[in-house]
Amino acid sequence: MSNDWKTRTQLVHQGSRRSQYGEMAEAIFLTQGFVYPDAETAEARFISAGEDEFVYARYGNPTTRMFEERIAALEGCEDAFATASGMAAVSGVLTAMLRAGDHIVSSRALFGSCHYVLDEVLRRYGVEVTFVDGANLDEWRSAVRAGTKAVFFESMSNPTLELVDIRSVSQIAHAVGALVIVDNVFSTPIFSRAVDQGADVVVYSTTKHIDGQGRALGGVICGTREFIRKTVEPYMKHTGGAMSPFTSWIMLNGMVTLDLRCRAMAASAETIARALEGDSRLNFVRFPSLPTHPQHMLAMEQMGGAGGTLVTFDLKGGKEAAFAFCNALQIIKISNNLGDAKSIATHPATTTHSRLSPEQKDILGITLGLIRLSVGLEDTEDLISDLSRGLAAISV
């Protein structure tokens, strides 16, 4: 496959494999195992499988391999390993490379499950974890030290849309030989080129924008071929976190329209953010491409001028106002997913980040009035009308 193809061409054609039948659509190889012509071939395959040879679906599958090659090409990485969920990707990459006594530095602003893996699981097994304010480069400099194995952060945090300077943090980490692991879900592979900016490993919950239609759980770890095949693959294939072939087929089909969907959603999100800004019933509106975003200039540089597909805003009146707002919506659905074709409103304080202590929520800015809006593909005017309906239900 060509390395010169533009994004949309890659999303349609990269990594394609065709059987002897020459099918146009990607085939679903729904099989756990593979047949060998003789015992000698079986022995050789288990010693070292070739580029297009497979042993067991937990290790690899032709449909899954197509997806891995396509997302790796899009991300600008040498290789990828597809996982059963986004959290399988996050926990898998961290536990595959870290051992008792190792040190990792992470931004504080994380999805609740990511925080659990770092704060509970890794520490339980003797990994030293230091949390920092992801936007504060001085804290990164103070925390990263000789012997630090890795740094981990969300390029845009969930749910407050705080950005981490990928290039600067990568320079700090690489100065001591630490690996840079970036959860790039909110920024999407369309708007963020994390590898070009210094990231060594990029993880996604493909459940979000890559599927884009709320159908299946999935995740992926992207990196160098050596890291994926020598560090990630041995751990994942023995612990069982691989993506199923059917899910891989869903993700392949989701990628075909990924660029078109993300750009349409981002354009709508910016229009909505501008419509909400200044409303007297809101304490603030956060969207990276708005000049009022605290890291507006970094967002424009790091995401190629786009703001992404999510808007967050804080309602005056706290939880009571937030619930009244959500319950009045008709088009926008109350759920905890994002990156879907359907617009979704989430109340993080009582759902995705509910396990965090009140003190942790305060530090991260997750207030009782905070709403995370994932903008879908509906008509923008209809969405603004629906948001107006929700705001009208608030008693201030």
Foldseek 3Di string as FASTA:
>chain_A
DDLPDDQLVLLQDWLADDDPVRDPAHDQPQDFADDDPDPVRLVVCVVPNDPPGDGGVLLHDSLLRSLFRSVQSLLVFATKAKFQALVCQLLLLVVLPDAAPAEEEEELQAFQSSCCCQVPVCVVRHYHYHYDHQQDLVRLLVRDDQRHAAYEYECQGPPQRDGHQLLSSLVSQVVNPHAYEYADAQLDSQQANSVVSRHAKYKYFCCAQLLQANDHGMMMIGHYPCCCVVRRSVRSSVVRGHHRSVVSSSSSVSSSCSNVFWVLLQVLVVVLQVVPAPPPQWPGKAWQCDPPHPCNVSSCVRRVNTGGRKMKTFGPPFQVLQVLLQVQFDQEDDDDGANHQGKHKYQCCVPRNVPDDPVSCVVNVNTRRMIMIGGHNDDSVVVSVRSVRSNVRGDD
